[in-house]
Every structure is written in structure tokens, then in C-alpha cells.
Amino acid sequence: IKGARIWRGCKTSNELKLSNVAFLRTRIQLIERFFEKNEVDEIW
């Protein structure tokens, strides 16, 4: 949810030209609004 923190990862991933990275700014309690059932394989 912290936009100023997530900025660093987003900037780095773009500088490295990583095509397999995205960032989602939201509260984790609302995670169902952004993914369908069976869409996620693993969580860290």
C-alpha cells in the first residue's frame, strides 16, 4: 500500500528491463478484487 516504498522496486525493474515484474498498490485485505480463483501459484 506504500507508494513511496513500492516506487523503488518499480524503478529498478524498469531500469533492468524486466518483463516478468509488476507492482500493485493496494491493501492486502482486498486481494480478491485483483485476482481470479486459481490465478496465483505461489505467495512470498
All heavy atoms as atom14 arrays in JSON, in Angstrom:
{
  "sequence": "IKGARIWRGCKTSNELKLSNVAFLRTRIQLIERFFEKNEVDEIW",
  "atom14_mask": [
    [1, 1, 1, 1, 1, 1, 1, 1, 0, 0, 0, 0, 0, 0],
    [1, 1, 1, 1, 1, 1, 1, 1, 1, 0, 0, 0, 0, 0],
    [1, 1, 1, 1, 0, 0, 0, 0, 0, 0, 0, 0, 0, 0],
    [1, 1, 1, 1, 1, 0, 0, 0, 0, 0, 0, 0, 0, 0],
    [1, 1, 1, 1, 1, 1, 1, 1, 1, 1, 1, 0, 0, 0],
    [1, 1, 1, 1, 1, 1, 1, 1, 0, 0, 0, 0, 0, 0],
    [1, 1, 1, 1, 1, 1, 1, 1, 1, 1, 1, 1, 1, 1],
    [1, 1, 1, 1, 1, 1, 1, 1, 1, 1, 1, 0, 0, 0],
    [1, 1, 1, 1, 0, 0, 0, 0, 0, 0, 0, 0, 0, 0],
    [1, 1, 1, 1, 1, 1, 0, 0, 0, 0, 0, 0, 0, 0],
    [1, 1, 1, 1, 1, 1, 1, 1, 1, 0, 0, 0, 0, 0],
    [1, 1, 1, 1, 1, 1, 1, 0, 0, 0, 0, 0, 0, 0],
    [1, 1, 1, 1, 1, 1, 0, 0, 0, 0, 0, 0, 0, 0],
    [1, 1, 1, 1, 1, 1, 1, 1, 0, 0, 0, 0, 0, 0],
    [1, 1, 1, 1, 1, 1, 1, 1, 1, 0, 0, 0, 0, 0],
    [1, 1, 1, 1, 1, 1, 1, 1, 0, 0, 0, 0, 0, 0],
    [1, 1, 1, 1, 1, 1, 1, 1, 1, 0, 0, 0, 0, 0],
    [1, 1, 1, 1, 1, 1, 1, 1, 0, 0, 0, 0, 0, 0],
    [1, 1, 1, 1, 1, 1, 0, 0, 0, 0, 0, 0, 0, 0],
    [1, 1, 1, 1, 1, 1, 1, 1, 0, 0, 0, 0, 0, 0],
    [1, 1, 1, 1, 1, 1, 1, 0, 0, 0, 0, 0, 0, 0],
    [1, 1, 1, 1, 1, 0, 0, 0, 0, 0, 0, 0, 0, 0],
    [1, 1, 1, 1, 1, 1, 1, 1, 1, 1, 1, 0, 0, 0],
    [1, 1, 1, 1, 1, 1, 1, 1, 0, 0, 0, 0, 0, 0],
    [1, 1, 1, 1, 1, 1, 1, 1, 1, 1, 1, 0, 0, 0],
    [1, 1, 1, 1, 1, 1, 1, 0, 0, 0, 0, 0, 0, 0],
    [1, 1, 1, 1, 1, 1, 1, 1, 1, 1, 1, 0, 0, 0],
    [1, 1, 1, 1, 1, 1, 1, 1, 0, 0, 0, 0, 0, 0],
    [1, 1, 1, 1, 1, 1, 1, 1, 1, 0, 0, 0, 0, 0],
    [1, 1, 1, 1, 1, 1, 1, 1, 0, 0, 0, 0, 0, 0],
    [1, 1, 1, 1, 1, 1, 1, 1, 0, 0, 0, 0, 0, 0],
    [1, 1, 1, 1, 1, 1, 1, 1, 1, 0, 0, 0, 0, 0],
    [1, 1, 1, 1, 1, 1, 1, 1, 1, 1, 1, 0, 0, 0],
    [1, 1, 1, 1, 1, 1, 1, 1, 1, 1, 1, 0, 0, 0],
    [1, 1, 1, 1, 1, 1, 1, 1, 1, 1, 1, 0, 0, 0],
    [1, 1, 1, 1, 1, 1, 1, 1, 1, 0, 0, 0, 0, 0],
    [1, 1, 1, 1, 1, 1, 1, 1, 1, 0, 0, 0, 0, 0],
    [1, 1, 1, 1, 1, 1, 1, 1, 0, 0, 0, 0, 0, 0],
    [1, 1, 1, 1, 1, 1, 1, 1, 1, 0, 0, 0, 0, 0],
    [1, 1, 1, 1, 1, 1, 1, 0, 0, 0, 0, 0, 0, 0],
    [1, 1, 1, 1, 1, 1, 1, 1, 0, 0, 0, 0, 0, 0],
    [1, 1, 1, 1, 1, 1, 1, 1, 1, 0, 0, 0, 0, 0],
    [1, 1, 1, 1, 1, 1, 1, 1, 0, 0, 0, 0, 0, 0],
    [1, 1, 1, 1, 1, 1, 1, 1, 1, 1, 1, 1, 1, 1]
  ],
  "atom14_positions": [
    [[0.82, -1.21, 0.0], [0.0, 0.0, 0.0], [0.86, 1.26, 0.0], [0.37, 2.35, -0.31], [-0.97, 0.0, 1.22], [-2.03, 1.09, 1.08], [-0.2, 0.13, 2.51], [-2.91, 1.01, -0.15], [0.0, 0.0, 0.0], [0.0, 0.0, 0.0], [0.0, 0.0, 0.0], [0.0, 0.0, 0.0], [0.0, 0.0, 0.0], [0.0, 0.0, 0.0]],
    [[2.13, 1.13, 0.32], [3.01, 2.29, 0.45], [3.61, 2.69, -0.9], [4.53, 2.04, -1.4], [4.14, 2.0, 1.45], [3.66, 1.65, 2.86], [3.09, 2.87, 3.57], [2.79, 2.55, 5.03], [2.25, 3.7, 5.77], [0.0, 0.0, 0.0], [0.0, 0.0, 0.0], [0.0, 0.0, 0.0], [0.0, 0.0, 0.0], [0.0, 0.0, 0.0]],
    [[3.09, 3.75, -1.49], [3.53, 4.15, -2.82], [4.99, 4.6, -2.89], [5.69, 4.34, -3.87], [0.0, 0.0, 0.0], [0.0, 0.0, 0.0], [0.0, 0.0, 0.0], [0.0, 0.0, 0.0], [0.0, 0.0, 0.0], [0.0, 0.0, 0.0], [0.0, 0.0, 0.0], [0.0, 0.0, 0.0], [0.0, 0.0, 0.0], [0.0, 0.0, 0.0]],
    [[5.46, 5.27, -1.84], [6.85, 5.75, -1.85], [7.83, 4.6, -1.73], [8.96, 4.69, -2.23], [7.06, 6.75, -0.71], [0.0, 0.0, 0.0], [0.0, 0.0, 0.0], [0.0, 0.0, 0.0], [0.0, 0.0, 0.0], [0.0, 0.0, 0.0], [0.0, 0.0, 0.0], [0.0, 0.0, 0.0], [0.0, 0.0, 0.0], [0.0, 0.0, 0.0]],
    [[7.43, 3.52, -1.09], [8.3, 2.35, -0.99], [8.29, 1.54, -2.28], [9.33, 1.16, -2.81], [7.85, 1.46, 0.18], [8.04, 2.08, 1.55], [7.56, 1.11, 2.62], [7.59, 1.7, 3.95], [7.12, 1.1, 5.03], [6.57, -0.1, 4.94], [7.17, 1.71, 6.21], [0.0, 0.0, 0.0], [0.0, 0.0, 0.0], [0.0, 0.0, 0.0]],
    [[7.11, 1.26, -2.77], [6.96, 0.42, -3.96], [7.62, 1.07, -5.18], [8.02, 0.4, -6.13], [5.46, 0.13, -4.2], [5.26, -1.24, -4.83], [4.78, 1.21, -4.99], [3.8, -1.67, -4.84], [0.0, 0.0, 0.0], [0.0, 0.0, 0.0], [0.0, 0.0, 0.0], [0.0, 0.0, 0.0], [0.0, 0.0, 0.0], [0.0, 0.0, 0.0]],
    [[7.79, 2.38, -5.15], [8.45, 3.12, -6.22], [9.84, 2.56, -6.51], [10.24, 2.44, -7.67], [8.57, 4.6, -5.83], [9.55, 5.39, -6.65], [9.32, 6.02, -7.84], [10.93, 5.65, -6.33], [10.46, 6.64, -8.29], [11.46, 6.42, -7.37], [11.75, 5.29, -5.27], [12.79, 6.85, -7.39], [13.07, 5.7, -5.27], [13.58, 6.47, -6.32]],
    [[10.58, 2.21, -5.46], [11.95, 1.74, -5.65], [12.0, 0.47, -6.48], [12.79, 0.34, -7.42], [12.6, 1.51, -4.29], [14.04, 0.98, -4.32], [15.01, 2.01, -4.91], [15.19, 1.86, -6.35], [15.87, 2.71, -7.1], [16.42, 3.78, -6.56], [15.99, 2.52, -8.4], [0.0, 0.0, 0.0], [0.0, 0.0, 0.0], [0.0, 0.0, 0.0]],
    [[11.16, -0.5, -6.14], [11.14, -1.74, -6.89], [10.69, -1.54, -8.32], [11.22, -2.17, -9.24], [0.0, 0.0, 0.0], [0.0, 0.0, 0.0], [0.0, 0.0, 0.0], [0.0, 0.0, 0.0], [0.0, 0.0, 0.0], [0.0, 0.0, 0.0], [0.0, 0.0, 0.0], [0.0, 0.0, 0.0], [0.0, 0.0, 0.0], [0.0, 0.0, 0.0]],
    [[9.71, -0.68, -8.49], [9.2, -0.41, -9.84], [10.28, 0.25, -10.69], [10.5, -0.12, -11.85], [7.97, 0.47, -9.74], [6.68, 0.04, -10.91], [0.0, 0.0, 0.0], [0.0, 0.0, 0.0], [0.0, 0.0, 0.0], [0.0, 0.0, 0.0], [0.0, 0.0, 0.0], [0.0, 0.0, 0.0], [0.0, 0.0, 0.0], [0.0, 0.0, 0.0]],
    [[10.96, 1.21, -10.12], [12.02, 1.91, -10.86], [13.15, 0.94, -11.23], [13.62, 0.93, -12.37], [12.56, 3.07, -10.04], [13.53, 3.97, -10.81], [13.88, 5.21, -10.01], [14.81, 6.14, -10.78], [14.11, 6.73, -11.96], [0.0, 0.0, 0.0], [0.0, 0.0, 0.0], [0.0, 0.0, 0.0], [0.0, 0.0, 0.0], [0.0, 0.0, 0.0]],
    [[13.56, 0.12, -10.27], [14.64, -0.83, -10.53], [14.25, -1.84, -11.61], [15.04, -2.14, -12.51], [15.01, -1.58, -9.24], [15.47, -0.64, -8.26], [16.12, -2.59, -9.49], [0.0, 0.0, 0.0], [0.0, 0.0, 0.0], [0.0, 0.0, 0.0], [0.0, 0.0, 0.0], [0.0, 0.0, 0.0], [0.0, 0.0, 0.0], [0.0, 0.0, 0.0]],
    [[13.03, -2.36, -11.54], [12.61, -3.35, -12.53], [12.56, -2.76, -13.92], [12.86, -3.45, -14.91], [11.24, -3.93, -12.15], [10.22, -2.95, -12.21], [0.0, 0.0, 0.0], [0.0, 0.0, 0.0], [0.0, 0.0, 0.0], [0.0, 0.0, 0.0], [0.0, 0.0, 0.0], [0.0, 0.0, 0.0], [0.0, 0.0, 0.0], [0.0, 0.0, 0.0]],
    [[12.22, -1.48, -14.03], [12.22, -0.83, -15.34], [13.64, -0.54, -15.82], [13.94, -0.69, -17.02], [11.39, 0.45, -15.28], [9.9, 0.17, -15.39], [9.37, -0.02, -16.47], [9.23, 0.11, -14.25], [0.0, 0.0, 0.0], [0.0, 0.0, 0.0], [0.0, 0.0, 0.0], [0.0, 0.0, 0.0], [0.0, 0.0, 0.0], [0.0, 0.0, 0.0]],
    [[14.5, -0.15, -14.91], [15.9, 0.08, -15.29], [16.56, -1.22, -15.78], [17.37, -1.2, -16.71], [16.68, 0.64, -14.1], [16.3, 2.07, -13.74], [16.94, 2.55, -12.45], [17.45, 1.71, -11.68], [16.93, 3.77, -12.2], [0.0, 0.0, 0.0], [0.0, 0.0, 0.0], [0.0, 0.0, 0.0], [0.0, 0.0, 0.0], [0.0, 0.0, 0.0]],
    [[16.17, -2.33, -15.17], [16.72, -3.63, -15.56], [15.98, -4.25, -16.74], [16.36, -5.33, -17.21], [16.67, -4.6, -14.37], [17.54, -4.24, -13.16], [17.27, -5.19, -12.01], [19.03, -4.27, -13.54], [0.0, 0.0, 0.0], [0.0, 0.0, 0.0], [0.0, 0.0, 0.0], [0.0, 0.0, 0.0], [0.0, 0.0, 0.0], [0.0, 0.0, 0.0]],
    [[14.91, -3.58, -17.18], [14.1, -4.05, -18.31], [13.55, -5.47, -18.06], [13.58, -6.33, -18.95], [14.9, -3.99, -19.61], [15.29, -2.58, -20.03], [16.07, -2.57, -21.34], [16.25, -1.16, -21.88], [16.93, -0.26, -20.93], [0.0, 0.0, 0.0], [0.0, 0.0, 0.0], [0.0, 0.0, 0.0], [0.0, 0.0, 0.0], [0.0, 0.0, 0.0]],
    [[13.05, -5.68, -16.86], [12.48, -6.98, -16.52], [11.03, -7.02, -16.99], [10.21, -6.21, -16.57], [12.54, -7.2, -15.01], [13.95, -7.29, -14.41], [13.86, -7.38, -12.88], [14.7, -8.5, -14.95], [0.0, 0.0, 0.0], [0.0, 0.0, 0.0], [0.0, 0.0, 0.0], [0.0, 0.0, 0.0], [0.0, 0.0, 0.0], [0.0, 0.0, 0.0]],
    [[10.71, -7.97, -17.83], [9.36, -8.07, -18.38], [8.45, -8.97, -17.55], [7.26, -9.09, -17.86], [9.42, -8.61, -19.82], [10.0, -9.91, -19.83], [0.0, 0.0, 0.0], [0.0, 0.0, 0.0], [0.0, 0.0, 0.0], [0.0, 0.0, 0.0], [0.0, 0.0, 0.0], [0.0, 0.0, 0.0], [0.0, 0.0, 0.0], [0.0, 0.0, 0.0]],
    [[9.0, -9.59, -16.51], [8.21, -10.53, -15.69], [7.92, -9.97, -14.3], [7.76, -10.72, -13.35], [8.91, -11.88, -15.6], [10.27, -11.8, -14.91], [10.95, -10.77, -14.98], [10.69, -12.88, -14.25], [0.0, 0.0, 0.0], [0.0, 0.0, 0.0], [0.0, 0.0, 0.0], [0.0, 0.0, 0.0], [0.0, 0.0, 0.0], [0.0, 0.0, 0.0]],
    [[7.85, -8.64, -14.18], [7.61, -7.99, -12.9], [6.5, -6.95, -13.03], [6.46, -6.17, -14.0], [8.88, -7.27, -12.38], [8.59, -6.6, -11.03], [10.02, -8.24, -12.24], [0.0, 0.0, 0.0], [0.0, 0.0, 0.0], [0.0, 0.0, 0.0], [0.0, 0.0, 0.0], [0.0, 0.0, 0.0], [0.0, 0.0, 0.0], [0.0, 0.0, 0.0]],
    [[5.62, -6.94, -12.03], [4.62, -5.87, -11.92], [4.47, -5.53, -10.44], [4.87, -6.3, -9.56], [3.29, -6.32, -12.5], [0.0, 0.0, 0.0], [0.0, 0.0, 0.0], [0.0, 0.0, 0.0], [0.0, 0.0, 0.0], [0.0, 0.0, 0.0], [0.0, 0.0, 0.0], [0.0, 0.0, 0.0], [0.0, 0.0, 0.0], [0.0, 0.0, 0.0]],
    [[3.89, -4.36, -10.19], [3.63, -3.94, -8.81], [2.19, -3.45, -8.71], [1.69, -2.77, -9.61], [4.6, -2.85, -8.38], [6.0, -3.37, -8.14], [6.93, -3.37, -9.17], [6.36, -3.88, -6.91], [8.2, -3.87, -8.96], [7.64, -4.39, -6.69], [8.57, -4.37, -7.72], [0.0, 0.0, 0.0], [0.0, 0.0, 0.0], [0.0, 0.0, 0.0]],
    [[1.54, -3.82, -7.63], [0.14, -3.49, -7.4], [0.04, -2.76, -6.07], [0.39, -3.31, -5.02], [-0.7, -4.77, -7.37], [-2.17, -4.65, -7.0], [-2.93, -3.8, -8.03], [-2.8, -6.05, -6.88], [0.0, 0.0, 0.0], [0.0, 0.0, 0.0], [0.0, 0.0, 0.0], [0.0, 0.0, 0.0], [0.0, 0.0, 0.0], [0.0, 0.0, 0.0]],
    [[-0.44, -1.53, -6.12], [-0.57, -0.75, -4.9], [-2.0, -0.89, -4.38], [-2.95, -0.32, -4.94], [-0.23, 0.72, -5.15], [-0.24, 1.53, -3.86], [0.01, 3.0, -4.11], [-0.03, 3.74, -2.85], [-0.15, 5.07, -2.76], [-0.22, 5.8, -3.87], [-0.19, 5.66, -1.58], [0.0, 0.0, 0.0], [0.0, 0.0, 0.0], [0.0, 0.0, 0.0]],
    [[-2.14, -1.64, -3.31], [-3.44, -1.83, -2.69], [-3.25, -2.46, -1.32], [-2.15, -2.85, -0.95], [-4.37, -2.72, -3.54], [-5.69, -2.67, -3.0], [-3.9, -4.16, -3.55], [0.0, 0.0, 0.0], [0.0, 0.0, 0.0], [0.0, 0.0, 0.0], [0.0, 0.0, 0.0], [0.0, 0.0, 0.0], [0.0, 0.0, 0.0], [0.0, 0.0, 0.0]],
    [[-4.33, -2.57, -0.58], [-4.29, -3.25, 0.71], [-4.43, -4.75, 0.49], [-5.28, -5.2, -0.3], [-5.42, -2.74, 1.62], [-5.28, -1.26, 1.95], [-6.3, -0.82, 2.98], [-6.2, 0.61, 3.22], [-5.29, 1.19, 3.98], [-4.39, 0.43, 4.61], [-5.26, 2.49, 4.15], [0.0, 0.0, 0.0], [0.0, 0.0, 0.0], [0.0, 0.0, 0.0]],
    [[-3.65, -5.52, 1.2], [-3.65, -6.96, 1.02], [-5.0, -7.56, 1.36], [-5.43, -8.56, 0.77], [-2.51, -7.58, 1.85], [-1.17, -7.15, 1.27], [-2.61, -9.1, 1.88], [0.03, -7.43, 2.14], [0.0, 0.0, 0.0], [0.0, 0.0, 0.0], [0.0, 0.0, 0.0], [0.0, 0.0, 0.0], [0.0, 0.0, 0.0], [0.0, 0.0, 0.0]],
    [[-5.73, -6.95, 2.29], [-7.06, -7.45, 2.65], [-8.03, -7.44, 1.48], [-9.05, -8.12, 1.5], [-7.63, -6.62, 3.8], [-6.88, -6.77, 5.12], [-5.68, -5.86, 5.25], [-5.22, -5.27, 4.26], [-5.16, -5.73, 6.46], [0.0, 0.0, 0.0], [0.0, 0.0, 0.0], [0.0, 0.0, 0.0], [0.0, 0.0, 0.0], [0.0, 0.0, 0.0]],
    [[-7.7, -6.67, 0.44], [-8.58, -6.55, -0.73], [-8.1, -7.37, -1.92], [-8.56, -7.18, -3.05], [-8.67, -5.07, -1.15], [-9.13, -4.09, -0.06], [-9.1, -2.66, -0.61], [-10.52, -4.44, 0.45], [0.0, 0.0, 0.0], [0.0, 0.0, 0.0], [0.0, 0.0, 0.0], [0.0, 0.0, 0.0], [0.0, 0.0, 0.0], [0.0, 0.0, 0.0]],
    [[-7.21, -8.32, -1.68], [-6.51, -9.0, -2.76], [-7.46, -9.71, -3.73], [-7.18, -9.84, -4.93], [-5.48, -10.0, -2.18], [-4.44, -10.41, -3.22], [-6.15, -11.21, -1.55], [-3.48, -9.31, -3.58], [0.0, 0.0, 0.0], [0.0, 0.0, 0.0], [0.0, 0.0, 0.0], [0.0, 0.0, 0.0], [0.0, 0.0, 0.0], [0.0, 0.0, 0.0]],
    [[-8.63, -10.16, -3.25], [-9.55, -10.89, -4.12], [-10.09, -10.01, -5.25], [-10.53, -10.53, -6.28], [-10.71, -11.46, -3.31], [-11.62, -12.38, -4.11], [-12.9, -12.75, -3.4], [-13.16, -12.21, -2.31], [-13.66, -13.57, -3.95], [0.0, 0.0, 0.0], [0.0, 0.0, 0.0], [0.0, 0.0, 0.0], [0.0, 0.0, 0.0], [0.0, 0.0, 0.0]],
    [[-10.03, -8.71, -5.09], [-10.55, -7.82, -6.13], [-9.66, -7.8, -7.37], [-10.07, -7.3, -8.42], [-10.66, -6.39, -5.59], [-11.62, -6.24, -4.42], [-11.84, -4.79, -4.08], [-12.7, -4.63, -2.92], [-13.19, -3.46, -2.52], [-12.92, -2.36, -3.2], [-13.96, -3.39, -1.45], [0.0, 0.0, 0.0], [0.0, 0.0, 0.0], [0.0, 0.0, 0.0]],
    [[-8.45, -8.34, -7.26], [-7.47, -8.17, -8.33], [-7.02, -9.46, -8.99], [-6.32, -9.44, -9.99], [-6.25, -7.43, -7.78], [-6.62, -6.15, -7.1], [-6.71, -6.06, -5.73], [-6.94, -5.02, -7.85], [-7.08, -4.89, -5.09], [-7.31, -3.85, -7.23], [-7.39, -3.77, -5.86], [0.0, 0.0, 0.0], [0.0, 0.0, 0.0], [0.0, 0.0, 0.0]],
    [[-7.44, -10.6, -8.43], [-7.05, -11.9, -8.99], [-8.24, -12.85, -8.95], [-9.03, -12.82, -8.02], [-5.88, -12.51, -8.2], [-4.65, -11.66, -8.2], [-4.42, -10.75, -7.18], [-3.72, -11.76, -9.23], [-3.29, -9.95, -7.19], [-2.59, -10.96, -9.24], [-2.37, -10.05, -8.21], [0.0, 0.0, 0.0], [0.0, 0.0, 0.0], [0.0, 0.0, 0.0]],
    [[-8.32, -13.71, -9.95], [-9.38, -14.71, -10.0], [-8.95, -15.98, -9.26], [-7.76, -16.18, -8.99], [-9.7, -15.08, -11.46], [-10.46, -14.02, -12.22], [-11.93, -13.94, -11.83], [-12.35, -14.68, -10.91], [-12.65, -13.14, -12.44], [0.0, 0.0, 0.0], [0.0, 0.0, 0.0], [0.0, 0.0, 0.0], [0.0, 0.0, 0.0], [0.0, 0.0, 0.0]],
    [[-9.87, -16.82, -8.98], [-9.59, -18.13, -8.4], [-8.63, -18.88, -9.33], [-8.78, -18.82, -10.56], [-10.89, -18.92, -8.23], [-10.72, -20.33, -7.71], [-10.16, -20.36, -6.31], [-10.07, -21.79, -5.78], [-9.41, -21.85, -4.45], [0.0, 0.0, 0.0], [0.0, 0.0, 0.0], [0.0, 0.0, 0.0], [0.0, 0.0, 0.0], [0.0, 0.0, 0.0]],
    [[-7.65, -19.55, -8.76], [-6.66, -20.35, -9.5], [-5.67, -19.53, -10.31], [-4.94, -20.09, -11.12], [-7.35, -21.37, -10.42], [-8.18, -22.39, -9.67], [-7.78, -22.86, -8.61], [-9.36, -22.7, -10.19], [0.0, 0.0, 0.0], [0.0, 0.0, 0.0], [0.0, 0.0, 0.0], [0.0, 0.0, 0.0], [0.0, 0.0, 0.0], [0.0, 0.0, 0.0]],
    [[-5.63, -18.22, -10.09], [-4.72, -17.39, -10.89], [-3.3, -17.33, -10.3], [-2.34, -17.08, -11.03], [-5.29, -15.98, -11.05], [-4.58, -15.16, -12.12], [-5.33, -13.9, -12.5], [-6.26, -13.5, -11.77], [-4.99, -13.31, -13.54], [0.0, 0.0, 0.0], [0.0, 0.0, 0.0], [0.0, 0.0, 0.0], [0.0, 0.0, 0.0], [0.0, 0.0, 0.0]],
    [[-3.18, -17.55, -9.0], [-1.89, -17.39, -8.32], [-1.33, -18.74, -7.92], [-2.04, -19.59, -7.36], [-2.06, -16.49, -7.07], [-0.75, -16.43, -6.27], [-2.49, -15.1, -7.49], [0.0, 0.0, 0.0], [0.0, 0.0, 0.0], [0.0, 0.0, 0.0], [0.0, 0.0, 0.0], [0.0, 0.0, 0.0], [0.0, 0.0, 0.0], [0.0, 0.0, 0.0]],
    [[-0.03, -18.94, -8.2], [0.62, -20.22, -7.92], [1.39, -20.24, -6.6], [1.56, -21.31, -6.0], [1.61, -20.55, -9.06], [0.93, -20.73, -10.39], [0.6, -19.73, -11.04], [0.72, -21.88, -10.78], [0.0, 0.0, 0.0], [0.0, 0.0, 0.0], [0.0, 0.0, 0.0], [0.0, 0.0, 0.0], [0.0, 0.0, 0.0], [0.0, 0.0, 0.0]],
    [[1.89, -19.09, -6.18], [2.77, -19.07, -5.02], [2.73, -17.69, -4.38], [2.5, -16.69, -5.06], [4.2, -19.41, -5.45], [5.19, -19.6, -4.32], [6.53, -20.17, -4.79], [6.67, -20.42, -6.01], [7.43, -20.35, -3.95], [0.0, 0.0, 0.0], [0.0, 0.0, 0.0], [0.0, 0.0, 0.0], [0.0, 0.0, 0.0], [0.0, 0.0, 0.0]],
    [[2.97, -17.64, -3.07], [2.98, -16.38, -2.32], [4.25, -16.32, -1.47], [4.62, -17.31, -0.83], [1.75, -16.26, -1.42], [0.48, -16.05, -2.26], [1.9, -15.12, -0.42], [-0.82, -16.09, -1.46], [0.0, 0.0, 0.0], [0.0, 0.0, 0.0], [0.0, 0.0, 0.0], [0.0, 0.0, 0.0], [0.0, 0.0, 0.0], [0.0, 0.0, 0.0]],
    [[4.89, -15.15, -1.49], [6.02, -14.87, -0.61], [5.62, -13.78, 0.37], [4.99, -12.79, -0.02], [7.23, -14.39, -1.4], [8.01, -15.51, -2.03], [7.77, -16.1, -3.24], [9.15, -16.18, -1.48], [8.68, -17.09, -3.48], [9.55, -17.16, -2.41], [9.86, -16.04, -0.29], [10.63, -18.0, -2.18], [10.94, -16.88, -0.07], [11.32, -17.85, -1.01]]
  ]
}
